[in-house]
Amino acid sequence: MALSKIRPPADQPRKRTGDLAELAFERLREAILTGELKEGERVREVRLAAEWKMGITPLKAAVRRLAGMGYLVLRPNHAPIVRKLEASDIQEIYELREMLECHALRKKAADIAKSDLAALRQMVNKVEATTSPASRLRAQFALDTKLHELWSSGPTNPWLTASLEGLLIYRPNLTHVLKAHPDLVERAFEDHKRILAALEKGNIENAVLLLSEHIKKSGTALAALSKPA
């Protein structure tokens, strides 16, 4: 077949290999973080490439990249698997979160907008006004995400943001466990309210202290629940 017949038309530029690899990375990472691919599950690259309508080469590149980040375990002559986190993994991840997030809050404090705090206060009010257990849990998870994003994301320090995002491997484990232990979610909610109140008062050091205590408690509780019975 002539080359002219297999080139894309001028108005449909060919996607670069790097773009395809990034798309494959984001899709595979999302599947792990949302629990679509569960802990210990084999990653069947050929099947996933067909399901997700992407080439096997960028998907293999994504697998290698995520294995390097700790999300996957590569096995000679066997399909890679989604890493199963042990209690010691959870504890270490939360120790890193404590250091990084407290540092991030101090760095970001001066740039936190009052409108962002007001939006978080509205989310707190929504939780407190919700009577349905399922709806309350969803609202609490949403508040958790937005509150931590207040200092953990944004252009202030892209290296810090990238480091924190790399620790998100714990998220599927956290969500699964906490759904079965709403009492822990309620305790975290009370912590979040105290952190927000300190930020609203402009008491940054108190907010940092409360954040440190919150992450320590959460890590210890989740690690304990992750231990085999």
C-alpha atoms as a PDB file:
ATOM      1  CA  MET A   1       0.000   0.000   0.000  1.00  0.00           C
ATOM      2  CA  ALA A   2       1.325   3.439  -0.896  1.00  0.00           C
ATOM      3  CA  LEU A   3       2.323   5.636   2.033  1.00  0.00           C
ATOM      4  CA  SER A   4       0.059   8.408   0.783  1.00  0.00           C
ATOM      5  CA  LYS A   5      -2.946   6.169   1.393  1.00  0.00           C
ATOM      6  CA  ILE A   6      -2.226   5.485   5.059  1.00  0.00           C
ATOM      7  CA  ARG A   7      -1.288   8.975   6.208  1.00  0.00           C
ATOM      8  CA  PRO A   8      -3.995  10.875   8.115  1.00  0.00           C
ATOM      9  CA  PRO A   9      -5.667  13.766   6.242  1.00  0.00           C
ATOM     10  CA  ALA A  10      -4.182  17.213   6.761  1.00  0.00           C
ATOM     11  CA  ASP A  11      -7.090  18.213   9.020  1.00  0.00           C
ATOM     12  CA  GLN A  12      -6.588  15.135  11.264  1.00  0.00           C
ATOM     13  CA  PRO A  13      -3.043  15.378  12.662  1.00  0.00           C
ATOM     14  CA  ARG A  14      -1.519  12.169  13.965  1.00  0.00           C
ATOM     15  CA  LYS A  15      -1.268  12.045  17.763  1.00  0.00           C
ATOM     16  CA  ARG A  16       2.288  11.945  19.026  1.00  0.00           C
ATOM     17  CA  THR A  17       3.535   8.873  20.868  1.00  0.00           C
ATOM     18  CA  GLY A  18       4.089  10.958  23.994  1.00  0.00           C
ATOM     19  CA  ASP A  19       0.465  12.128  23.959  1.00  0.00           C
ATOM     20  CA  LEU A  20      -0.807   8.566  23.629  1.00  0.00           C
ATOM     21  CA  ALA A  21       1.428   7.369  26.451  1.00  0.00           C
ATOM     22  CA  GLU A  22       0.150  10.171  28.697  1.00  0.00           C
ATOM     23  CA  LEU A  23      -3.468   9.298  27.880  1.00  0.00           C
ATOM     24  CA  ALA A  24      -2.791   5.642  28.670  1.00  0.00           C
ATOM     25  CA  PHE A  25      -1.085   6.620  31.940  1.00  0.00           C
ATOM     26  CA  GLU A  26      -4.005   8.794  33.066  1.00  0.00           C
ATOM     27  CA  ARG A  27      -6.582   6.138  32.136  1.00  0.00           C
ATOM     28  CA  LEU A  28      -4.743   3.324  33.905  1.00  0.00           C
ATOM     29  CA  ARG A  29      -4.025   5.429  36.976  1.00  0.00           C
ATOM     30  CA  GLU A  30      -7.680   6.463  37.183  1.00  0.00           C
ATOM     31  CA  ALA A  31      -8.742   2.804  36.974  1.00  0.00           C
ATOM     32  CA  ILE A  32      -6.518   2.019  39.962  1.00  0.00           C
ATOM     33  CA  LEU A  33      -7.485   5.052  42.048  1.00  0.00           C
ATOM     34  CA  THR A  34     -11.219   4.557  41.552  1.00  0.00           C
ATOM     35  CA  GLY A  35     -11.045   0.847  42.315  1.00  0.00           C
ATOM     36  CA  GLU A  36     -12.026  -0.159  38.780  1.00  0.00           C
ATOM     37  CA  LEU A  37      -8.860  -2.266  38.994  1.00  0.00           C
ATOM     38  CA  LYS A  38      -8.748  -3.670  42.500  1.00  0.00           C
ATOM     39  CA  GLU A  39      -5.832  -4.513  44.786  1.00  0.00           C
ATOM     40  CA  GLY A  40      -4.173  -7.750  43.720  1.00  0.00           C
ATOM     41  CA  GLU A  41      -5.950  -7.784  40.346  1.00  0.00           C
ATOM     42  CA  ARG A  42      -3.963  -8.750  37.269  1.00  0.00           C
ATOM     43  CA  VAL A  43      -3.524  -6.034  34.643  1.00  0.00           C
ATOM     44  CA  ARG A  44      -4.189  -7.788  31.339  1.00  0.00           C
ATOM     45  CA  GLU A  45      -2.644  -5.324  28.927  1.00  0.00           C
ATOM     46  CA  VAL A  46      -4.028  -6.777  25.670  1.00  0.00           C
ATOM     47  CA  ARG A  47      -7.589  -6.897  27.015  1.00  0.00           C
ATOM     48  CA  LEU A  48      -7.413  -3.380  28.472  1.00  0.00           C
ATOM     49  CA  ALA A  49      -5.920  -1.965  25.266  1.00  0.00           C
ATOM     50  CA  ALA A  50      -8.875  -3.393  23.352  1.00  0.00           C
ATOM     51  CA  GLU A  51     -11.470  -2.201  25.902  1.00  0.00           C
ATOM     52  CA  TRP A  52     -10.010   1.286  26.106  1.00  0.00           C
ATOM     53  CA  LYS A  53      -9.369   1.486  22.356  1.00  0.00           C
ATOM     54  CA  MET A  54      -5.690   2.325  22.652  1.00  0.00           C
ATOM     55  CA  GLY A  55      -2.461   0.816  21.398  1.00  0.00           C
ATOM     56  CA  ILE A  56      -0.607  -1.788  23.406  1.00  0.00           C
ATOM     57  CA  THR A  57       2.690   0.155  23.230  1.00  0.00           C
ATOM     58  CA  PRO A  58       1.503   3.279  25.121  1.00  0.00           C
ATOM     59  CA  LEU A  59      -0.323   1.048  27.604  1.00  0.00           C
ATOM     60  CA  LYS A  60       2.845  -0.929  28.312  1.00  0.00           C
ATOM     61  CA  ALA A  61       4.684   2.356  28.828  1.00  0.00           C
ATOM     62  CA  ALA A  62       1.973   3.406  31.296  1.00  0.00           C
ATOM     63  CA  VAL A  63       2.333   0.099  33.150  1.00  0.00           C
ATOM     64  CA  ARG A  64       6.095   0.612  33.528  1.00  0.00           C
ATOM     65  CA  ARG A  65       5.602   4.185  34.709  1.00  0.00           C
ATOM     66  CA  LEU A  66       2.975   3.243  37.301  1.00  0.00           C
ATOM     67  CA  ALA A  67       5.095   0.334  38.501  1.00  0.00           C
ATOM     68  CA  GLY A  68       7.909   2.818  39.108  1.00  0.00           C
ATOM     69  CA  MET A  69       5.490   4.919  41.181  1.00  0.00           C
ATOM     70  CA  GLY A  70       4.456   1.919  43.271  1.00  0.00           C
ATOM     71  CA  TYR A  71       0.939   1.455  41.905  1.00  0.00           C
ATOM     72  CA  LEU A  72       1.717  -1.834  40.138  1.00  0.00           C
ATOM     73  CA  VAL A  73       3.977  -4.820  40.754  1.00  0.00           C
ATOM     74  CA  LEU A  74       5.825  -6.225  37.743  1.00  0.00           C
ATOM     75  CA  ARG A  75       6.302 -10.013  37.683  1.00  0.00           C
ATOM     76  CA  PRO A  76       8.595 -11.943  35.302  1.00  0.00           C
ATOM     77  CA  ASN A  77       6.549 -13.958  32.792  1.00  0.00           C
ATOM     78  CA  HIS A  78       3.288 -12.983  34.470  1.00  0.00           C
ATOM     79  CA  ALA A  79       0.827 -10.108  34.141  1.00  0.00           C
ATOM     80  CA  PRO A  80       1.522  -7.143  36.438  1.00  0.00           C
ATOM     81  CA  ILE A  81      -0.807  -6.764  39.413  1.00  0.00           C
ATOM     82  CA  VAL A  82      -2.244  -3.808  41.297  1.00  0.00           C
ATOM     83  CA  ARG A  83      -0.221  -3.399  44.474  1.00  0.00           C
ATOM     84  CA  LYS A  84      -1.959  -4.446  47.675  1.00  0.00           C
ATOM     85  CA  LEU A  85      -1.115  -2.049  50.465  1.00  0.00           C
ATOM     86  CA  GLU A  86      -0.092  -3.475  53.823  1.00  0.00           C
ATOM     87  CA  ALA A  87      -0.619  -1.710  57.143  1.00  0.00           C
ATOM     88  CA  SER A  88       3.037  -0.606  57.121  1.00  0.00           C
ATOM     89  CA  ASP A  89       2.542   0.945  53.654  1.00  0.00           C
ATOM     90  CA  ILE A  90      -0.470   2.925  54.879  1.00  0.00           C
ATOM     91  CA  GLN A  91       1.385   4.164  57.953  1.00  0.00           C
ATOM     92  CA  GLU A  92       4.372   5.314  55.910  1.00  0.00           C
ATOM     93  CA  ILE A  93       2.181   7.024  53.305  1.00  0.00           C
ATOM     94  CA  TYR A  94       0.409   8.968  56.033  1.00  0.00           C
ATOM     95  CA  GLU A  95       3.693   9.957  57.662  1.00  0.00           C
ATOM     96  CA  LEU A  96       4.760  11.417  54.320  1.00  0.00           C
ATOM     97  CA  ARG A  97       1.370  13.088  53.907  1.00  0.00           C
ATOM     98  CA  GLU A  98       1.727  14.729  57.297  1.00  0.00           C
ATOM     99  CA  MET A  99       5.109  16.245  56.460  1.00  0.00           C
ATOM    100  CA  LEU A 100       4.172  17.333  52.947  1.00  0.00           C
ATOM    101  CA  GLU A 101       0.693  18.676  53.671  1.00  0.00           C
ATOM    102  CA  CYS A 102       1.740  20.659  56.725  1.00  0.00           C
ATOM    103  CA  HIS A 103       4.557  22.179  54.669  1.00  0.00           C
ATOM    104  CA  ALA A 104       2.107  22.859  51.833  1.00  0.00           C
ATOM    105  CA  LEU A 105      -0.373  24.585  54.164  1.00  0.00           C
ATOM    106  CA  ARG A 106       2.314  26.907  55.521  1.00  0.00           C
ATOM    107  CA  LYS A 107       3.444  27.740  51.972  1.00  0.00           C
ATOM    108  CA  LYS A 108      -0.064  28.292  50.646  1.00  0.00           C
ATOM    109  CA  ALA A 109      -1.624  30.038  53.654  1.00  0.00           C
ATOM    110  CA  ALA A 110      -1.106  33.593  52.399  1.00  0.00           C
ATOM    111  CA  ASP A 111      -2.743  32.777  49.058  1.00  0.00           C
ATOM    112  CA  ILE A 112      -5.904  31.121  50.397  1.00  0.00           C
ATOM    113  CA  ALA A 113      -8.851  33.194  49.237  1.00  0.00           C
ATOM    114  CA  LYS A 114     -11.751  34.057  51.527  1.00  0.00           C
ATOM    115  CA  SER A 115     -14.097  32.874  48.803  1.00  0.00           C
ATOM    116  CA  ASP A 116     -12.530  29.401  48.972  1.00  0.00           C
ATOM    117  CA  LEU A 117     -13.032  29.290  52.726  1.00  0.00           C
ATOM    118  CA  ALA A 118     -16.630  30.441  52.287  1.00  0.00           C
ATOM    119  CA  ALA A 119     -17.249  27.667  49.761  1.00  0.00           C
ATOM    120  CA  LEU A 120     -15.853  25.111  52.224  1.00  0.00           C
ATOM    121  CA  ARG A 121     -18.057  26.501  54.979  1.00  0.00           C
ATOM    122  CA  GLN A 122     -21.062  25.959  52.699  1.00  0.00           C
ATOM    123  CA  MET A 123     -19.968  22.348  52.200  1.00  0.00           C
ATOM    124  CA  VAL A 124     -19.783  21.906  55.993  1.00  0.00           C
ATOM    125  CA  ASN A 125     -23.290  23.322  56.319  1.00  0.00           C
ATOM    126  CA  LYS A 126     -24.505  20.919  53.637  1.00  0.00           C
ATOM    127  CA  VAL A 127     -23.109  17.945  55.543  1.00  0.00           C
ATOM    128  CA  GLU A 128     -24.742  19.083  58.770  1.00  0.00           C
ATOM    129  CA  ALA A 129     -28.088  19.603  57.042  1.00  0.00           C
ATOM    130  CA  THR A 130     -28.058  16.168  55.407  1.00  0.00           C
ATOM    131  CA  THR A 131     -30.013  13.409  57.159  1.00  0.00           C
ATOM    132  CA  SER A 132     -29.562  10.565  54.670  1.00  0.00           C
ATOM    133  CA  PRO A 133     -26.521   8.475  55.754  1.00  0.00           C
ATOM    134  CA  ALA A 134     -25.465   7.775  52.157  1.00  0.00           C
ATOM    135  CA  SER A 135     -25.804  11.430  51.109  1.00  0.00           C
ATOM    136  CA  ARG A 136     -24.007  12.587  54.244  1.00  0.00           C
ATOM    137  CA  LEU A 137     -21.106  10.235  53.523  1.00  0.00           C
ATOM    138  CA  ARG A 138     -20.801  11.535  49.941  1.00  0.00           C
ATOM    139  CA  ALA A 139     -20.885  15.134  51.167  1.00  0.00           C
ATOM    140  CA  GLN A 140     -18.206  14.376  53.762  1.00  0.00           C
ATOM    141  CA  PHE A 141     -15.950  12.764  51.154  1.00  0.00           C
ATOM    142  CA  ALA A 142     -16.456  15.803  48.895  1.00  0.00           C
ATOM    143  CA  LEU A 143     -15.510  18.162  51.743  1.00  0.00           C
ATOM    144  CA  ASP A 144     -12.458  16.053  52.562  1.00  0.00           C
ATOM    145  CA  THR A 145     -11.233  16.285  48.965  1.00  0.00           C
ATOM    146  CA  LYS A 146     -11.836  20.035  48.595  1.00  0.00           C
ATOM    147  CA  LEU A 147     -10.329  20.949  51.954  1.00  0.00           C
ATOM    148  CA  HIS A 148      -7.077  19.080  51.342  1.00  0.00           C
ATOM    149  CA  GLU A 149      -6.914  20.440  47.772  1.00  0.00           C
ATOM    150  CA  LEU A 150      -6.951  23.941  49.268  1.00  0.00           C
ATOM    151  CA  TRP A 151      -3.242  23.634  50.078  1.00  0.00           C
ATOM    152  CA  SER A 152      -2.225  20.496  48.161  1.00  0.00           C
ATOM    153  CA  SER A 153      -2.887  21.638  44.591  1.00  0.00           C
ATOM    154  CA  GLY A 154      -2.233  24.652  42.424  1.00  0.00           C
ATOM    155  CA  PRO A 155       0.763  26.349  40.815  1.00  0.00           C
ATOM    156  CA  THR A 156       2.432  27.531  44.047  1.00  0.00           C
ATOM    157  CA  ASN A 157       4.824  24.578  44.125  1.00  0.00           C
ATOM    158  CA  PRO A 158       4.392  22.041  41.297  1.00  0.00           C
ATOM    159  CA  TRP A 159       7.016  19.727  42.813  1.00  0.00           C
ATOM    160  CA  LEU A 160       5.110  19.568  46.074  1.00  0.00           C
ATOM    161  CA  THR A 161       1.823  19.016  44.249  1.00  0.00           C
ATOM    162  CA  ALA A 162       3.327  16.193  42.206  1.00  0.00           C
ATOM    163  CA  SER A 163       4.719  14.541  45.345  1.00  0.00           C
ATOM    164  CA  LEU A 164       1.339  14.633  47.065  1.00  0.00           C
ATOM    165  CA  GLU A 165      -0.439  13.307  43.992  1.00  0.00           C
ATOM    166  CA  GLY A 166       2.005  10.408  43.932  1.00  0.00           C
ATOM    167  CA  LEU A 167       0.699   9.327  47.348  1.00  0.00           C
ATOM    168  CA  LEU A 168      -2.874   8.919  46.109  1.00  0.00           C
ATOM    169  CA  ILE A 169      -2.269   5.191  45.745  1.00  0.00           C
ATOM    170  CA  TYR A 170      -3.905   4.803  49.164  1.00  0.00           C
ATOM    171  CA  ARG A 171      -7.230   6.281  48.008  1.00  0.00           C
ATOM    172  CA  PRO A 172      -9.122   3.115  46.918  1.00  0.00           C
ATOM    173  CA  ASN A 173      -8.162   1.406  50.171  1.00  0.00           C
ATOM    174  CA  LEU A 174      -9.254   4.453  52.171  1.00  0.00           C
ATOM    175  CA  THR A 175     -12.630   4.806  50.448  1.00  0.00           C
ATOM    176  CA  HIS A 176     -13.437   1.103  50.726  1.00  0.00           C
ATOM    177  CA  VAL A 177     -12.561   0.924  54.421  1.00  0.00           C
ATOM    178  CA  LEU A 178     -14.220   4.172  55.461  1.00  0.00           C
ATOM    179  CA  LYS A 179     -17.524   3.264  53.824  1.00  0.00           C
ATOM    180  CA  ALA A 180     -17.661   0.370  56.278  1.00  0.00           C
ATOM    181  CA  HIS A 181     -16.651   2.591  59.228  1.00  0.00           C
ATOM    182  CA  PRO A 182     -18.746   5.791  59.117  1.00  0.00           C
ATOM    183  CA  ASP A 183     -17.670   6.578  62.691  1.00  0.00           C
ATOM    184  CA  LEU A 184     -14.170   7.305  61.379  1.00  0.00           C
ATOM    185  CA  VAL A 185     -15.646   9.562  58.698  1.00  0.00           C
ATOM    186  CA  GLU A 186     -17.541  11.478  61.389  1.00  0.00           C
ATOM    187  CA  ARG A 187     -14.354  11.924  63.414  1.00  0.00           C
ATOM    188  CA  ALA A 188     -12.523  13.172  60.330  1.00  0.00           C
ATOM    189  CA  PHE A 189     -15.402  15.565  59.656  1.00  0.00           C
ATOM    190  CA  GLU A 190     -14.995  17.088  63.122  1.00  0.00           C
ATOM    191  CA  ASP A 191     -11.257  17.462  62.436  1.00  0.00           C
ATOM    192  CA  HIS A 192     -12.005  19.173  59.122  1.00  0.00           C
ATOM    193  CA  LYS A 193     -14.354  21.632  60.807  1.00  0.00           C
ATOM    194  CA  ARG A 194     -11.683  22.582  63.348  1.00  0.00           C
ATOM    195  CA  ILE A 195      -9.055  23.057  60.631  1.00  0.00           C
ATOM    196  CA  LEU A 196     -11.436  25.226  58.600  1.00  0.00           C
ATOM    197  CA  ALA A 197     -12.359  27.330  61.657  1.00  0.00           C
ATOM    198  CA  ALA A 198      -8.667  27.995  62.366  1.00  0.00           C
ATOM    199  CA  LEU A 199      -8.116  29.069  58.759  1.00  0.00           C
ATOM    200  CA  GLU A 200     -11.158  31.362  58.876  1.00  0.00           C
ATOM    201  CA  LYS A 201      -9.661  33.050  61.957  1.00  0.00           C
ATOM    202  CA  GLY A 202      -6.296  33.398  60.213  1.00  0.00           C
ATOM    203  CA  ASN A 203      -4.606  31.182  62.813  1.00  0.00           C
ATOM    204  CA  ILE A 204      -2.328  29.296  60.441  1.00  0.00           C
ATOM    205  CA  GLU A 205      -0.080  27.635  63.020  1.00  0.00           C
ATOM    206  CA  ASN A 206      -3.097  26.238  64.837  1.00  0.00           C
ATOM    207  CA  ALA A 207      -4.493  25.015  61.510  1.00  0.00           C
ATOM    208  CA  VAL A 208      -1.159  23.291  60.770  1.00  0.00           C
ATOM    209  CA  LEU A 209      -1.161  21.655  64.212  1.00  0.00           C
ATOM    210  CA  LEU A 210      -4.742  20.443  63.762  1.00  0.00           C
ATOM    211  CA  LEU A 211      -3.903  19.131  60.288  1.00  0.00           C
ATOM    212  CA  SER A 212      -0.884  17.240  61.649  1.00  0.00           C
ATOM    213  CA  GLU A 213      -2.977  15.604  64.367  1.00  0.00           C
ATOM    214  CA  HIS A 214      -5.742  14.761  61.885  1.00  0.00           C
ATOM    215  CA  ILE A 215      -3.426  13.005  59.431  1.00  0.00           C
ATOM    216  CA  LYS A 216      -1.669  11.094  62.231  1.00  0.00           C
ATOM    217  CA  LYS A 217      -4.965   9.832  63.642  1.00  0.00           C
ATOM    218  CA  SER A 218      -6.307   8.910  60.204  1.00  0.00           C
ATOM    219  CA  GLY A 219      -3.152   7.022  59.258  1.00  0.00           C
ATOM    220  CA  THR A 220      -3.085   5.060  62.512  1.00  0.00           C
ATOM    221  CA  ALA A 221      -6.771   4.130  62.247  1.00  0.00           C
ATOM    222  CA  LEU A 222      -6.583   3.081  58.602  1.00  0.00           C
ATOM    223  CA  ALA A 223      -3.386   1.085  59.134  1.00  0.00           C
ATOM    224  CA  ALA A 224      -5.044  -0.774  62.019  1.00  0.00           C
ATOM    225  CA  LEU A 225      -8.045  -1.625  59.842  1.00  0.00           C
ATOM    226  CA  SER A 226      -5.741  -2.804  57.029  1.00  0.00           C
ATOM    227  CA  LYS A 227      -4.092  -5.469  59.200  1.00  0.00           C
ATOM    228  CA  PRO A 228      -5.241  -9.033  58.533  1.00  0.00           C
ATOM    229  CA  ALA A 229      -7.733 -10.353  61.054  1.00  0.00           C
END
